[in-house]
Amino acid sequence: MQKPIIAIAKYAVSDLDSPVLLSVTVGNGQIGASLAKLQDTVVGPGPEISNCRIGTNKELHGKTLVIRTTATDVSPHTNDLIVTYALTGGSSTFEQSLVATAEGEYDSGSFKMTIDFVKAS
């Protein structure tokens, strides 16, 4: 397996009690699984994470979310692996895609997305 693709981002949250939702999508007809941890608490295990409530805006301020994803090349059409991380419910919508190319058919790629929750200005 190749080196993991790593990204770090900030996501602004408010003082409201409204929920923040996380979605992780593996694209290009590939398969994958993700594990999301807020501080040391697992908030989103599963093959696909879709609109998983990770906390309220108020609860998330100052915390860090780490999502690890493994994507495997099963598509006969491409060896490209793409994982899209999305957050909604905060001060804006966040979406970032990370891309890698599998070394061969049925090889996997590892992705790590770290998101720091900051107070909206």
Protein backbone atom coordinates (compact mmCIF):
# COMPACT_ATOMS: atom_id res chain seq x y z
CA MET A 1 0.00 0.00 0.00
CA GLN A 2 1.24 3.46 -0.84
CA LYS A 3 1.68 6.37 1.58
CA PRO A 4 -1.59 7.76 2.94
CA ILE A 5 -3.09 10.90 1.44
CA ILE A 6 -3.40 13.41 4.31
CA ALA A 7 -5.33 16.67 4.53
CA ILE A 8 -6.08 19.14 7.33
CA ALA A 9 -8.91 21.68 7.34
CA LYS A 10 -10.75 24.06 9.64
CA TYR A 11 -14.54 24.19 9.90
CA ALA A 12 -16.32 27.14 11.51
CA VAL A 13 -19.12 26.43 13.98
CA SER A 14 -21.45 28.80 15.83
CA ASP A 15 -22.88 28.94 19.36
CA LEU A 16 -26.13 27.31 18.21
CA ASP A 17 -27.45 23.91 19.26
CA SER A 18 -28.02 22.87 15.63
CA PRO A 19 -26.39 19.59 14.54
CA VAL A 20 -23.34 19.21 12.30
CA LEU A 21 -23.52 16.25 9.90
CA LEU A 22 -20.66 14.30 8.29
CA SER A 23 -20.74 12.37 5.02
CA VAL A 24 -17.87 10.39 3.47
CA THR A 25 -18.22 9.05 -0.06
CA VAL A 26 -15.89 6.76 -1.99
CA GLY A 27 -16.33 7.50 -5.70
CA ASN A 28 -15.39 6.20 -9.17
CA GLY A 29 -17.19 2.89 -8.59
CA GLN A 30 -14.63 1.86 -5.96
CA ILE A 31 -15.38 0.49 -2.50
CA GLY A 32 -14.17 1.63 0.89
CA ALA A 33 -14.74 2.00 4.59
CA SER A 34 -14.25 4.88 7.00
CA LEU A 35 -13.84 5.42 10.71
CA ALA A 36 -14.47 8.87 12.20
CA LYS A 37 -13.30 9.88 15.68
CA LEU A 38 -14.14 13.10 17.49
CA GLN A 39 -11.33 13.50 20.01
CA ASP A 40 -11.21 9.84 21.22
CA THR A 41 -14.86 8.95 20.61
CA VAL A 42 -15.92 6.98 17.53
CA VAL A 43 -18.77 8.88 15.84
CA GLY A 44 -19.06 7.32 12.43
CA PRO A 45 -17.93 3.78 11.71
CA GLY A 46 -19.16 2.08 8.62
CA PRO A 47 -18.58 1.31 5.00
CA GLU A 48 -20.29 4.60 4.09
CA ILE A 49 -20.89 7.50 6.43
CA SER A 50 -23.94 9.48 5.34
CA ASN A 51 -25.33 12.46 7.25
CA CYS A 52 -23.91 11.17 10.52
CA ARG A 53 -24.60 13.57 13.41
CA ILE A 54 -21.27 14.29 15.07
CA GLY A 55 -22.48 16.91 17.55
CA THR A 56 -23.95 20.38 17.79
CA ASN A 57 -22.14 23.54 16.71
CA LYS A 58 -21.73 24.51 20.36
CA GLU A 59 -20.36 21.08 21.38
CA LEU A 60 -17.82 20.92 18.54
CA HIS A 61 -16.01 24.23 19.10
CA GLY A 62 -12.35 23.55 19.91
CA LYS A 63 -12.51 19.83 19.07
CA THR A 64 -10.84 17.80 16.32
CA LEU A 65 -12.41 15.22 14.01
CA VAL A 66 -10.14 12.62 12.38
CA ILE A 67 -11.52 10.44 9.59
CA ARG A 68 -9.55 7.51 8.20
CA THR A 69 -10.70 5.90 4.99
CA THR A 70 -9.44 2.93 3.02
CA ALA A 71 -10.58 2.76 -0.60
CA THR A 72 -10.02 -0.28 -2.81
CA ASP A 73 -9.83 -0.36 -6.59
CA VAL A 74 -12.53 -2.73 -7.88
CA SER A 75 -13.56 -0.79 -10.99
CA PRO A 76 -12.36 -2.21 -14.33
CA HIS A 77 -12.60 1.31 -15.79
CA THR A 78 -10.10 3.22 -13.61
CA ASN A 79 -7.48 2.82 -10.90
CA ASP A 80 -8.29 6.28 -9.55
CA LEU A 81 -9.49 6.43 -5.96
CA ILE A 82 -11.45 9.45 -4.77
CA VAL A 83 -12.85 10.09 -1.31
CA THR A 84 -15.07 13.10 -0.64
CA TYR A 85 -15.53 14.44 2.88
CA ALA A 86 -18.49 16.76 3.53
CA LEU A 87 -19.79 18.67 6.56
CA THR A 88 -23.08 20.54 6.80
CA GLY A 89 -24.81 22.40 9.60
CA GLY A 90 -22.00 24.74 10.59
CA SER A 91 -21.39 28.29 9.39
CA SER A 92 -21.01 27.01 5.81
CA THR A 93 -20.92 23.78 3.82
CA PHE A 94 -17.55 22.02 3.62
CA GLU A 95 -16.53 19.57 0.92
CA GLN A 96 -13.07 18.30 0.07
CA SER A 97 -12.05 15.42 -2.17
CA LEU A 98 -8.78 13.52 -1.82
CA VAL A 99 -7.46 11.58 -4.80
CA ALA A 100 -4.96 8.75 -5.26
CA THR A 101 -4.20 6.16 -7.90
CA ALA A 102 -4.13 2.49 -6.92
CA GLU A 103 -0.90 0.77 -7.93
CA GLY A 104 -2.86 -2.09 -9.48
CA GLU A 105 -6.23 -3.78 -9.71
CA TYR A 106 -7.63 -4.55 -6.22
CA ASP A 107 -4.97 -2.45 -4.50
CA SER A 108 -6.04 0.00 -1.80
CA GLY A 109 -5.28 3.56 -0.84
CA SER A 110 -5.35 5.12 2.61
CA PHE A 111 -6.74 8.59 3.35
CA LYS A 112 -6.70 10.70 6.51
CA MET A 113 -8.75 13.88 6.88
CA THR A 114 -8.33 15.99 10.03
CA ILE A 115 -10.85 18.76 10.70
CA ASP A 116 -10.40 21.31 13.48
CA PHE A 117 -13.62 23.00 14.63
CA VAL A 118 -13.16 26.73 15.18
CA LYS A 119 -15.56 29.41 16.33
CA ALA A 120 -17.15 31.39 13.50
CA SER A 121 -16.09 35.02 13.41
